[in-house]
Amino acid sequence: MSFFLTPRFFLAIGVLITGFVVAFFLPWLLGPLRIMLGMFIVLALLDALLLYAPAKNKAAPVFARRVMGEKLTNGSENDIQIYLENRYRFPIQTEVIDEIPHQFQRRDVLFKMAVKPGKTQIITYQLRPTKRGEYQFGTVNIYVASPLGLVCRRFRYGHDTMVPVYPSFLQMRQYELLAIHNRLTEVGVKRIRRVGHSLEFEQIRPYVPGDDPRSINWKATARRAGTGAADSLVVNHYQDERAQQVYCLIDKGRVMRMPFEGLSLLDYAINATLVVSNIALLKHDKAGLLTFSNRPGATLAADRRPGHLLKLLEILYRQKTKYLETDFELLYATVRARVRQRSLLLLFTNFETLQGMQRQLPYLRRMAKDHLLLVVFFENTELREYLDAPAATTEDVYNQTIAEKFAQEKRQIVLELQRYGIYSLLTAPKELTVNTINKYLEFKARGLI
């Protein structure tokens, strides 16, 4: 059914009914009311005729289409556009309702606007998915009314469309562009002061003012002086070490189910893994992946060949959280079997208590013995907001005291890991990507990998 009556129609009917009721007591109003009723019926028929009159070229008098990417990005705002074209010869009032996937649980995707004849309007809105997977879009419904506004006609365009939601590749592209133009500081990535030289020698080049005098190659300078060459001073030029392996180890156990701002810790870790892996590839390192829970998960050997990032993206898209306890002994065995070369291991997990971390400490120490291990776990930001709020009652004081105990345990975990020479990063989920990149660049600058 495409024919509908508008609120204006029912308002006019209500006025006429009220008038006829009054005319029962004032008979002289009956004649004018009959004329008004006749005019109303004529206007309603004329309105319907305007909306349903066939077009000369047999094209639909209103056209609409939804435009969006083939993939949506998880945890980011995705632009959705609707193009609406008016082919009538008169201006129209429209209500546009887009049937968005049920995962968003939104009932406010309704837009009202006027469109002039022969013109096109563009509607833009944003959707922020918080789970990876398949999202089903329905049709675009347009309810059109003429300037009379007594009836409206519905048009439906499009069909059911499945769109996959992938890890945040929009965030990855943002960091990639900033890295290419050396503007990562704009998103919080710190400039790391290099201590000494990296270990990879690139070439010998002529000395220019501003070069570190300690990098002068005196033997090569003496040979050039012996040949009588002008500007005989030459310096050693170094570059960042390349082809180092960077593995992201993602915990898929129940501790990663905790949501913050609608996004689970697992999805925060997946988004950060994608960005950090891309930065590592831009730095000419090799990026790899290993997921785990109570059993081994997906594994991708470290590499930097073309297409490697797409493989990584497809694997991350399919990862789901398990509801069981994570087996760190199995993780250690998997790392020992799969990662033979010394590598940087970025372990994304979560420890809520010091005792929970100490149970896994023997396996972390064994991995740190063979590799450079960074344990990344999460600060409870909602707990921090509760602690920062003023206590209004005695019960609030008791609750904040218990909450402070949990916050203190997080800091104790950091100190305990440092005690055994294991690097750690305690971060808010929202700042995970930036802080992890900072740690990676710091390790590169210090030549630890």
Protein backbone atom coordinates (compact mmCIF):
# COMPACT_ATOMS: atom_id res chain seq x y z
CA MET A 1 0.00 0.00 0.00
CA SER A 2 1.40 3.40 -1.01
CA PHE A 3 -1.56 5.73 -0.19
CA PHE A 4 -1.69 7.41 3.23
CA LEU A 5 -3.67 10.22 4.86
CA THR A 6 -1.73 13.00 6.51
CA PRO A 7 -2.31 14.68 9.92
CA ARG A 8 -3.52 17.75 8.02
CA PHE A 9 -6.29 15.63 6.48
CA PHE A 10 -7.50 14.44 9.89
CA LEU A 11 -7.25 17.95 11.30
CA ALA A 12 -9.50 19.26 8.54
CA ILE A 13 -11.97 16.38 9.11
CA GLY A 14 -11.98 17.20 12.82
CA VAL A 15 -12.76 20.87 12.11
CA LEU A 16 -15.64 19.92 9.78
CA ILE A 17 -17.13 17.44 12.28
CA THR A 18 -16.94 20.07 15.01
CA GLY A 19 -18.64 22.56 12.67
CA PHE A 20 -21.52 20.18 11.90
CA VAL A 21 -22.03 19.56 15.62
CA VAL A 22 -22.23 23.33 16.20
CA ALA A 23 -24.58 23.64 13.18
CA PHE A 24 -27.04 21.36 15.01
CA PHE A 25 -27.60 24.29 17.40
CA LEU A 26 -26.99 27.04 14.80
CA PRO A 27 -28.76 25.88 11.61
CA TRP A 28 -27.52 28.87 9.60
CA LEU A 29 -23.99 27.34 9.60
CA LEU A 30 -25.13 24.21 7.78
CA GLY A 31 -24.99 25.73 4.27
CA PRO A 32 -21.44 27.12 4.49
CA LEU A 33 -20.25 23.86 6.07
CA ARG A 34 -21.64 21.84 3.17
CA ILE A 35 -19.74 24.07 0.75
CA MET A 36 -16.57 23.63 2.81
CA LEU A 37 -17.03 19.85 2.81
CA GLY A 38 -17.40 19.80 -0.95
CA MET A 39 -14.29 21.95 -1.39
CA PHE A 40 -12.38 19.66 0.98
CA ILE A 41 -13.35 16.56 -1.04
CA VAL A 42 -12.31 18.26 -4.28
CA LEU A 43 -8.97 19.35 -2.82
CA ALA A 44 -8.28 15.84 -1.48
CA LEU A 45 -9.01 14.30 -4.90
CA LEU A 46 -6.87 16.95 -6.59
CA ASP A 47 -4.05 16.25 -4.14
CA ALA A 48 -4.21 12.52 -4.86
CA LEU A 49 -4.31 13.24 -8.61
CA LEU A 50 -1.18 15.40 -8.37
CA LEU A 51 0.73 12.67 -6.57
CA TYR A 52 -0.42 9.74 -8.69
CA ALA A 53 -0.57 11.33 -12.13
CA PRO A 54 1.63 9.32 -14.54
CA ALA A 55 4.84 11.00 -15.65
CA LYS A 56 5.46 11.67 -19.33
CA ASN A 57 8.64 9.61 -19.51
CA LYS A 58 7.10 6.88 -17.29
CA ALA A 59 9.87 7.40 -14.75
CA ALA A 60 9.16 7.44 -11.05
CA PRO A 61 8.34 11.01 -9.92
CA VAL A 62 10.67 10.62 -6.93
CA PHE A 63 13.98 8.77 -6.89
CA ALA A 64 16.22 7.89 -3.95
CA ARG A 65 19.29 5.76 -3.30
CA ARG A 66 21.50 5.00 -0.34
CA VAL A 67 25.26 5.45 -0.76
CA MET A 68 27.79 3.96 1.66
CA GLY A 69 30.99 1.97 1.65
CA GLU A 70 31.15 -1.72 0.87
CA LYS A 71 32.39 -2.23 4.44
CA LEU A 72 31.68 -0.40 7.66
CA THR A 73 34.39 0.18 10.22
CA ASN A 74 33.90 -0.95 13.80
CA GLY A 75 34.00 1.65 16.57
CA SER A 76 34.09 4.64 14.19
CA GLU A 77 31.47 6.95 12.75
CA ASN A 78 30.55 5.79 9.23
CA ASP A 79 28.94 8.26 6.82
CA ILE A 80 25.68 7.13 5.20
CA GLN A 81 24.20 9.28 2.43
CA ILE A 82 20.76 9.26 0.83
CA TYR A 83 20.29 11.03 -2.51
CA LEU A 84 16.71 12.27 -2.99
CA GLU A 85 15.57 13.64 -6.36
CA ASN A 86 12.25 15.41 -7.03
CA ARG A 87 10.94 14.85 -10.57
CA TYR A 88 7.54 16.43 -9.94
CA ARG A 89 6.71 19.84 -11.41
CA PHE A 90 5.91 21.24 -7.98
CA PRO A 91 7.76 21.36 -4.64
CA ILE A 92 7.18 18.45 -2.30
CA GLN A 93 7.39 17.81 1.43
CA THR A 94 9.09 14.53 2.25
CA GLU A 95 9.70 12.24 5.20
CA VAL A 96 12.57 9.82 4.64
CA ILE A 97 12.87 6.71 6.81
CA ASP A 98 15.90 4.48 6.35
CA GLU A 99 15.62 0.89 7.55
CA ILE A 100 18.94 0.48 9.34
CA PRO A 101 20.19 -2.82 10.86
CA HIS A 102 18.60 -3.96 14.10
CA GLN A 103 22.01 -4.01 15.84
CA PHE A 104 21.89 -0.23 16.22
CA GLN A 105 18.56 -0.23 18.06
CA ARG A 106 17.70 3.23 16.76
CA ARG A 107 14.26 4.51 15.84
CA ASP A 108 15.21 8.08 15.00
CA VAL A 109 16.50 7.71 11.46
CA LEU A 110 13.77 9.97 10.05
CA PHE A 111 14.42 13.12 8.03
CA LYS A 112 11.89 15.79 7.00
CA MET A 113 12.70 18.19 4.21
CA ALA A 114 11.28 20.18 1.33
CA VAL A 115 12.58 19.53 -2.19
CA LYS A 116 12.09 21.94 -5.06
CA PRO A 117 11.05 20.63 -8.50
CA GLY A 118 13.93 19.16 -10.47
CA LYS A 119 16.31 19.42 -7.51
CA THR A 120 18.28 16.85 -5.50
CA GLN A 121 18.80 16.82 -1.76
CA ILE A 122 21.54 14.87 0.00
CA ILE A 123 20.89 13.50 3.48
CA THR A 124 23.98 12.55 5.49
CA TYR A 125 24.01 10.78 8.83
CA GLN A 126 26.43 8.60 10.79
CA LEU A 127 26.27 5.10 12.23
CA ARG A 128 28.75 3.74 14.78
CA PRO A 129 28.74 -0.07 14.95
CA THR A 130 30.16 -1.63 18.09
CA LYS A 131 30.35 -5.26 16.97
CA ARG A 132 31.97 -6.92 13.99
CA GLY A 133 29.81 -9.07 11.73
CA GLU A 134 27.11 -8.83 9.07
CA TYR A 135 24.63 -5.93 9.17
CA GLN A 136 21.42 -6.02 7.12
CA PHE A 137 20.07 -2.76 5.68
CA GLY A 138 16.48 -2.63 4.44
CA THR A 139 14.79 -0.25 2.02
CA VAL A 140 14.63 3.55 1.94
CA ASN A 141 11.04 4.76 2.48
CA ILE A 142 10.01 8.18 1.17
CA TYR A 143 6.63 9.66 2.09
CA VAL A 144 5.80 12.47 -0.36
CA ALA A 145 3.17 15.19 0.04
CA SER A 146 2.21 17.99 -2.34
CA PRO A 147 1.83 21.64 -1.23
CA LEU A 148 -1.78 20.82 -0.29
CA GLY A 149 -0.55 18.21 2.19
CA LEU A 150 -3.81 16.26 2.56
CA VAL A 151 -2.57 12.88 1.35
CA CYS A 152 0.87 11.38 0.84
CA ARG A 153 2.37 8.70 -1.35
CA ARG A 154 5.04 6.26 -0.31
CA PHE A 155 7.99 5.28 -2.48
CA ARG A 156 10.39 2.47 -1.57
CA TYR A 157 13.87 2.16 -3.05
CA GLY A 158 16.69 -0.30 -2.63
CA HIS A 159 16.50 -3.81 -1.27
CA ASP A 160 17.90 -5.79 1.61
CA THR A 161 21.67 -5.21 1.59
CA MET A 162 24.22 -7.03 3.73
CA VAL A 163 27.24 -4.93 4.73
CA PRO A 164 30.11 -6.44 6.76
CA VAL A 165 31.56 -4.50 9.69
CA TYR A 166 35.34 -4.84 9.80
CA PRO A 167 37.93 -3.67 12.34
CA SER A 168 38.53 0.05 12.23
CA PHE A 169 40.30 0.47 8.87
CA LEU A 170 39.26 4.15 8.87
CA GLN A 171 41.38 4.65 11.97
CA MET A 172 44.17 2.70 10.28
CA ARG A 173 44.08 4.96 7.22
CA GLN A 174 44.08 8.06 9.40
CA TYR A 175 47.22 6.96 11.22
CA GLU A 176 48.79 5.82 7.95
CA LEU A 177 48.36 9.25 6.33
CA LEU A 178 49.69 11.00 9.42
CA ALA A 179 52.68 8.65 9.54
CA ILE A 180 53.50 9.27 5.87
CA HIS A 181 53.47 13.04 6.44
CA ASN A 182 55.27 12.80 9.84
CA ARG A 183 52.24 14.27 11.64
CA LEU A 184 51.54 11.52 14.18
CA THR A 185 52.00 14.03 17.01
CA GLU A 186 48.57 15.45 16.08
CA VAL A 187 46.89 12.32 17.51
CA GLY A 188 49.08 12.05 20.60
CA VAL A 189 52.03 10.01 19.31
CA LYS A 190 55.13 11.37 20.99
CA ARG A 191 58.37 12.33 19.31
CA ILE A 192 60.97 9.90 20.63
CA ARG A 193 64.50 11.16 21.15
CA ARG A 194 66.91 8.62 19.76
CA VAL A 195 69.70 7.47 22.04
CA GLY A 196 72.81 6.88 19.91
CA HIS A 197 72.55 5.16 16.55
CA SER A 198 70.48 2.26 15.44
CA LEU A 199 72.57 -0.76 14.58
CA GLU A 200 71.91 -0.89 10.84
CA PHE A 201 74.52 0.91 8.73
CA GLU A 202 73.25 2.32 5.44
CA GLN A 203 75.99 4.27 3.65
CA ILE A 204 78.88 6.75 3.86
CA ARG A 205 78.13 10.28 2.68
CA PRO A 206 79.86 13.67 2.69
CA TYR A 207 79.77 15.66 5.89
CA VAL A 208 77.37 18.63 5.97
CA PRO A 209 77.08 21.28 8.69
CA GLY A 210 74.83 20.04 11.45
CA ASP A 211 75.92 16.39 11.31
CA ASP A 212 77.02 14.81 14.56
CA PRO A 213 80.86 14.98 14.61
CA ARG A 214 80.89 11.62 16.38
CA SER A 215 79.59 9.98 13.21
CA ILE A 216 82.65 11.02 11.15
CA ASN A 217 84.34 8.03 9.57
CA TRP A 218 88.01 8.97 10.04
CA LYS A 219 89.43 6.07 8.03
CA ALA A 220 87.31 6.88 4.99
CA THR A 221 88.10 10.57 5.47
CA ALA A 222 91.86 9.81 5.44
CA ARG A 223 91.52 7.81 2.20
CA ARG A 224 89.60 10.66 0.53
CA ALA A 225 92.20 13.19 1.76
CA GLY A 226 94.94 11.05 0.24
CA THR A 227 93.26 11.33 -3.17
CA GLY A 228 93.11 15.12 -2.88
CA ALA A 229 89.31 15.26 -2.91
CA ALA A 230 87.77 18.51 -1.70
CA ASP A 231 85.40 18.36 1.28
CA SER A 232 87.04 15.13 2.31
CA LEU A 233 85.11 14.69 5.58
CA VAL A 234 82.60 11.82 5.37
CA VAL A 235 80.18 10.47 7.95
CA ASN A 236 78.49 7.17 8.57
CA HIS A 237 74.77 7.26 7.86
CA TYR A 238 72.48 4.93 9.77
CA GLN A 239 68.86 3.96 9.30
CA ASP A 240 66.24 2.28 11.42
CA GLU A 241 66.70 -1.44 11.62
CA ARG A 242 64.35 -3.18 9.23
CA ALA A 243 62.71 -6.56 8.83
CA GLN A 244 62.19 -6.94 12.58
CA GLN A 245 59.25 -9.06 13.64
CA VAL A 246 56.30 -7.53 15.50
CA TYR A 247 53.65 -9.98 16.73
CA CYS A 248 50.33 -8.97 18.26
CA LEU A 249 49.04 -11.59 20.72
CA ILE A 250 45.31 -11.11 21.36
CA ASP A 251 43.58 -12.70 24.34
CA LYS A 252 40.05 -13.88 23.41
CA GLY A 253 39.11 -15.13 26.88
CA ARG A 254 36.25 -13.95 29.06
CA VAL A 255 38.29 -11.06 30.50
CA MET A 256 38.11 -9.36 27.09
CA ARG A 257 34.30 -9.31 27.07
CA MET A 258 34.11 -6.20 29.25
CA PRO A 259 32.55 -3.30 27.28
CA PHE A 260 33.57 0.36 27.39
CA GLU A 261 31.54 2.91 25.41
CA GLY A 262 29.74 0.05 23.69
CA LEU A 263 32.95 -1.58 22.41
CA SER A 264 34.41 -4.70 24.01
CA LEU A 265 38.06 -4.88 25.05
CA LEU A 266 38.59 -7.46 22.32
CA ASP A 267 37.44 -5.00 19.67
CA TYR A 268 39.67 -2.28 21.10
CA ALA A 269 42.59 -4.71 20.89
CA ILE A 270 41.69 -5.74 17.33
CA ASN A 271 41.47 -2.12 16.16
CA ALA A 272 44.80 -1.30 17.79
CA THR A 273 46.39 -4.42 16.25
CA LEU A 274 45.37 -3.34 12.77
CA VAL A 275 46.80 0.17 13.21
CA VAL A 276 50.04 -0.92 14.90
CA SER A 277 50.64 -3.63 12.28
CA ASN A 278 50.21 -1.09 9.50
CA ILE A 279 52.62 1.33 11.19
CA ALA A 280 55.14 -1.53 11.58
CA LEU A 281 54.85 -2.31 7.86
CA LEU A 282 55.42 1.37 7.04
CA LYS A 283 58.57 1.16 9.18
CA HIS A 284 59.70 -1.81 7.03
CA ASP A 285 59.16 -4.30 9.83
CA LYS A 286 57.25 -7.57 9.61
CA ALA A 287 53.82 -7.82 11.26
CA GLY A 288 52.33 -11.05 12.58
CA LEU A 289 49.30 -12.15 14.60
CA LEU A 290 48.47 -14.81 17.15
CA THR A 291 45.12 -15.17 18.94
CA PHE A 292 44.46 -17.45 21.88
CA SER A 293 42.00 -18.38 24.62
CA ASN A 294 41.58 -21.83 26.17
CA ARG A 295 42.85 -23.25 22.88
CA PRO A 296 45.07 -21.92 20.06
CA GLY A 297 43.43 -19.43 17.73
CA ALA A 298 44.31 -17.90 14.40
CA THR A 299 47.98 -17.47 13.56
CA LEU A 300 49.57 -15.38 10.82
CA ALA A 301 53.34 -15.52 10.40
CA ALA A 302 55.15 -12.18 10.42
CA ASP A 303 55.66 -10.85 6.91
CA ARG A 304 55.54 -7.63 4.91
CA ARG A 305 54.76 -8.82 1.40
CA PRO A 306 52.01 -7.06 -0.61
CA GLY A 307 48.57 -8.23 0.48
CA HIS A 308 49.74 -9.20 3.96
CA LEU A 309 47.67 -6.45 5.61
CA LEU A 310 44.52 -7.67 3.82
CA LYS A 311 45.11 -11.17 5.19
CA LEU A 312 45.48 -9.70 8.64
CA LEU A 313 42.25 -7.72 8.25
CA GLU A 314 40.28 -10.79 7.17
CA ILE A 315 41.55 -12.83 10.13
CA LEU A 316 40.74 -10.06 12.61
CA TYR A 317 37.24 -9.73 11.17
CA ARG A 318 36.38 -13.32 12.14
CA GLN A 319 37.66 -13.26 15.74
CA LYS A 320 35.14 -13.77 18.54
CA THR A 321 35.45 -13.71 22.30
CA LYS A 322 35.37 -16.98 24.21
CA TYR A 323 33.72 -17.25 27.61
CA LEU A 324 36.37 -19.50 29.16
CA GLU A 325 39.55 -18.90 31.12
CA THR A 326 42.64 -18.14 29.04
CA ASP A 327 45.41 -20.76 28.98
CA PHE A 328 48.72 -18.86 29.12
CA GLU A 329 50.72 -22.08 29.27
CA LEU A 330 49.29 -22.96 25.87
CA LEU A 331 50.15 -19.45 24.66
CA TYR A 332 53.79 -19.92 25.69
CA ALA A 333 53.96 -23.28 23.91
CA THR A 334 52.43 -21.76 20.75
CA VAL A 335 54.84 -18.81 20.76
CA ARG A 336 57.80 -21.11 21.27
CA ALA A 337 56.72 -23.33 18.36
CA ARG A 338 55.66 -20.58 15.92
CA VAL A 339 57.94 -17.62 16.68
CA ARG A 340 61.53 -18.80 16.32
CA GLN A 341 63.23 -15.43 15.79
CA ARG A 342 63.52 -12.83 18.56
CA SER A 343 60.52 -10.54 18.12
CA LEU A 344 58.50 -7.79 19.74
CA LEU A 345 55.41 -9.41 21.31
CA LEU A 346 52.50 -7.06 22.02
CA LEU A 347 50.28 -9.05 24.38
CA PHE A 348 46.73 -7.61 24.63
CA THR A 349 45.03 -9.04 27.71
CA ASN A 350 43.46 -7.83 30.94
CA PHE A 351 44.32 -8.47 34.58
CA GLU A 352 41.88 -7.32 37.24
CA THR A 353 43.78 -8.59 40.28
CA LEU A 354 47.41 -9.04 41.25
CA GLN A 355 46.79 -12.70 42.07
CA GLY A 356 45.36 -13.26 38.61
CA MET A 357 48.52 -11.87 37.02
CA GLN A 358 50.83 -13.82 39.34
CA ARG A 359 49.25 -17.10 38.22
CA GLN A 360 50.36 -16.31 34.67
CA LEU A 361 53.70 -14.72 35.60
CA PRO A 362 55.86 -17.86 35.02
CA TYR A 363 54.73 -18.05 31.39
CA LEU A 364 55.20 -14.31 30.86
CA ARG A 365 58.74 -14.54 32.23
CA ARG A 366 59.58 -17.40 29.88
CA MET A 367 58.33 -15.45 26.86
CA ALA A 368 60.20 -12.32 28.00
CA LYS A 369 63.40 -14.39 28.17
CA ASP A 370 63.32 -15.15 24.43
CA HIS A 371 61.52 -12.06 23.12
CA LEU A 372 60.83 -8.42 23.88
CA LEU A 373 57.44 -8.69 25.62
CA LEU A 374 55.05 -5.80 26.22
CA VAL A 375 51.98 -6.70 28.30
CA VAL A 376 49.10 -4.35 27.46
CA PHE A 377 46.15 -4.33 29.84
CA PHE A 378 43.33 -1.94 30.55
CA GLU A 379 42.40 0.67 33.10
CA ASN A 380 38.79 0.60 34.25
CA THR A 381 37.74 4.11 33.21
CA GLU A 382 34.24 3.78 34.66
CA LEU A 383 35.80 2.90 38.00
CA ARG A 384 38.04 5.96 37.72
CA GLU A 385 35.02 8.21 37.05
CA TYR A 386 33.31 6.75 40.12
CA LEU A 387 36.41 7.45 42.23
CA ASP A 388 36.64 11.03 41.00
CA ALA A 389 32.99 11.76 41.86
CA PRO A 390 32.36 13.30 45.31
CA ALA A 391 31.02 10.92 47.97
CA ALA A 392 27.58 12.02 49.14
CA THR A 393 26.84 9.31 51.70
CA THR A 394 28.69 6.97 54.02
CA GLU A 395 27.86 4.11 51.66
CA ASP A 396 29.58 6.00 48.83
CA VAL A 397 32.71 6.33 50.98
CA TYR A 398 32.79 2.57 51.60
CA ASN A 399 32.21 1.82 47.92
CA GLN A 400 34.93 4.23 46.82
CA THR A 401 37.35 2.67 49.28
CA ILE A 402 36.75 -0.75 47.72
CA ALA A 403 37.03 0.75 44.22
CA GLU A 404 40.35 2.38 45.14
CA LYS A 405 41.64 -1.04 46.20
CA PHE A 406 40.95 -2.41 42.71
CA ALA A 407 42.57 0.63 41.06
CA GLN A 408 45.63 0.21 43.31
CA GLU A 409 45.93 -3.45 42.27
CA LYS A 410 46.26 -2.37 38.65
CA ARG A 411 49.23 -0.19 39.58
CA GLN A 412 50.74 -3.01 41.60
CA ILE A 413 50.55 -5.27 38.54
CA VAL A 414 52.68 -2.76 36.62
CA LEU A 415 55.28 -2.69 39.40
CA GLU A 416 55.33 -6.48 39.69
CA LEU A 417 55.94 -6.89 35.96
CA GLN A 418 58.72 -4.29 36.06
CA ARG A 419 60.30 -6.20 38.92
CA TYR A 420 60.88 -9.15 36.60
CA GLY A 421 62.02 -7.02 33.66
CA ILE A 422 58.75 -7.28 31.71
CA TYR A 423 57.53 -4.14 29.97
CA SER A 424 53.90 -3.23 30.63
CA LEU A 425 51.35 -0.68 29.48
CA LEU A 426 48.30 0.21 31.58
CA THR A 427 46.01 2.27 29.38
CA ALA A 428 42.45 3.47 29.04
CA PRO A 429 40.66 1.56 26.25
CA LYS A 430 40.08 4.73 24.24
CA GLU A 431 43.81 5.59 24.28
CA LEU A 432 45.00 2.06 23.51
CA THR A 433 46.05 2.66 19.90
CA VAL A 434 48.05 5.84 20.55
CA ASN A 435 49.80 4.46 23.63
CA THR A 436 50.71 1.20 21.90
CA ILE A 437 52.20 3.06 18.92
CA ASN A 438 54.21 5.22 21.33
CA LYS A 439 55.65 2.11 22.98
CA TYR A 440 56.52 0.52 19.63
CA LEU A 441 58.31 3.68 18.43
CA GLU A 442 60.10 3.97 21.78
CA PHE A 443 61.41 0.41 21.48
CA LYS A 444 62.56 1.15 17.91
CA ALA A 445 64.34 4.33 18.98
CA ARG A 446 66.10 2.59 21.87
CA GLY A 447 67.15 -0.35 19.69
CA LEU A 448 65.53 -2.88 22.03
CA ILE A 449 63.98 -5.10 19.38
